[in-house]
C-alpha cells in the first residue's frame, strides 16, 4: 500500500531527504528574517531614526510611534485591559 501524503520518498531515501527539506526550510526562514530586518532598518533610516532602533523591541515601538506622529504614550484607555478583573469575576458567578 502506498504511503499517504507522499511519504514514500522519506522511506526510500531515509534521513537524507528529511535533512535536505529541513535545511531548505531553515534557509528560507533565515532569508525572510534578513529581508525583514533590512526593510525595517531602511524604513527607520528614511524616517530620520537610527536604523539600529528597528532591532530593539521596546524602543522599536516607541520610535515607530514617533515616526507615525502619535503622542509618545498610550492614552489611559489603552493602558488598562478591555475587561476589568471585577467584570470578569462578576460574569463567572
Protein backbone atom coordinates (compact mmCIF):
# COMPACT_ATOMS: atom_id res chain seq x y z
CA UNK A 1 0.00 0.00 0.00
CA UNK A 2 1.46 3.39 -0.94
CA UNK A 3 2.28 5.77 1.84
CA UNK A 4 -0.11 8.71 2.30
CA UNK A 5 0.95 12.29 1.69
CA UNK A 6 3.93 11.31 -0.46
CA UNK A 7 5.91 9.97 2.48
CA UNK A 8 7.30 7.16 0.35
CA UNK A 9 10.17 9.48 -0.55
CA UNK A 10 11.27 9.57 3.08
CA UNK A 11 11.03 5.81 3.39
CA UNK A 12 13.05 5.30 0.22
CA UNK A 13 15.79 7.84 0.83
CA UNK A 14 15.75 7.91 4.61
CA UNK A 15 17.21 10.74 6.59
CA UNK A 16 18.85 12.45 3.63
CA UNK A 17 15.57 13.72 2.20
CA UNK A 18 14.33 14.91 5.59
CA UNK A 19 17.64 16.65 6.26
CA UNK A 20 17.51 18.36 2.89
CA UNK A 21 13.98 19.61 3.45
CA UNK A 22 14.85 20.83 6.92
CA UNK A 23 17.93 22.65 5.65
CA UNK A 24 15.86 24.28 2.89
CA UNK A 25 13.23 25.32 5.41
CA UNK A 26 15.77 26.97 7.72
CA UNK A 27 17.49 28.66 4.79
CA UNK A 28 14.18 30.22 3.72
CA UNK A 29 13.44 31.32 7.29
CA UNK A 30 16.85 33.00 7.57
CA UNK A 31 16.38 34.75 4.22
CA UNK A 32 12.93 36.05 5.23
CA UNK A 33 14.21 37.30 8.58
CA UNK A 34 17.12 39.05 6.85
CA UNK A 35 14.76 40.74 4.38
CA UNK A 36 12.53 41.87 7.26
CA UNK A 37 15.48 43.32 9.20
CA UNK A 38 16.83 45.14 6.15
CA UNK A 39 13.39 46.55 5.27
CA UNK A 40 12.70 47.83 8.77
CA UNK A 41 16.22 49.27 9.01
CA UNK A 42 15.65 51.23 5.78
CA UNK A 43 12.21 52.43 6.91
CA UNK A 44 13.66 53.78 10.14
CA UNK A 45 16.61 55.38 8.34
CA UNK A 46 14.32 57.05 5.80
CA UNK A 47 12.16 58.42 8.62
CA UNK A 48 15.18 60.01 10.30
CA UNK A 49 15.54 57.48 13.12
CA UNK A 50 18.68 55.40 13.60
CA UNK A 51 18.48 52.07 11.79
CA UNK A 52 19.58 50.09 14.83
CA UNK A 53 16.40 51.24 16.58
CA UNK A 54 14.44 48.76 14.48
CA UNK A 55 16.25 45.89 16.23
CA UNK A 56 15.44 46.84 19.85
CA UNK A 57 11.95 45.53 20.72
CA UNK A 58 10.58 48.16 23.15
CA UNK A 59 12.46 51.09 21.66
CA UNK A 60 11.30 49.92 18.22
CA UNK A 61 7.67 50.51 19.21
CA UNK A 62 8.47 53.89 20.81
CA UNK A 63 10.34 55.04 17.69
CA UNK A 64 7.58 53.79 15.40
CA UNK A 65 5.03 55.80 17.40
CA UNK A 66 7.24 58.87 16.94
CA UNK A 67 7.56 58.19 13.19
CA UNK A 68 3.79 57.88 12.76
CA UNK A 69 3.23 61.07 14.73
CA UNK A 70 1.17 59.70 17.58
CA UNK A 71 1.55 61.01 21.13
CA UNK A 72 4.51 59.45 22.91
CA UNK A 73 2.46 57.49 25.36
CA UNK A 74 -0.57 55.39 25.27
CA UNK A 75 -3.76 57.12 26.33
CA UNK A 76 -5.19 55.92 29.65
CA UNK A 77 -7.92 54.00 27.86
CA UNK A 78 -5.28 51.84 26.17
CA UNK A 79 -3.32 51.11 29.34
CA UNK A 80 -5.99 49.07 31.04
CA UNK A 81 -7.33 45.79 29.75
CA UNK A 82 -10.61 45.94 27.86
CA UNK A 83 -12.40 43.85 30.51
CA UNK A 84 -11.76 44.67 34.13
CA UNK A 85 -11.00 41.89 36.56
CA UNK A 86 -14.10 42.75 38.58
CA UNK A 87 -16.27 42.47 35.49
CA UNK A 88 -14.76 39.11 34.62
CA UNK A 89 -15.31 37.86 38.19
CA UNK A 90 -18.92 39.05 38.14
CA UNK A 91 -19.54 37.29 34.85
CA UNK A 92 -18.37 33.95 36.30
CA UNK A 93 -20.91 34.00 39.11
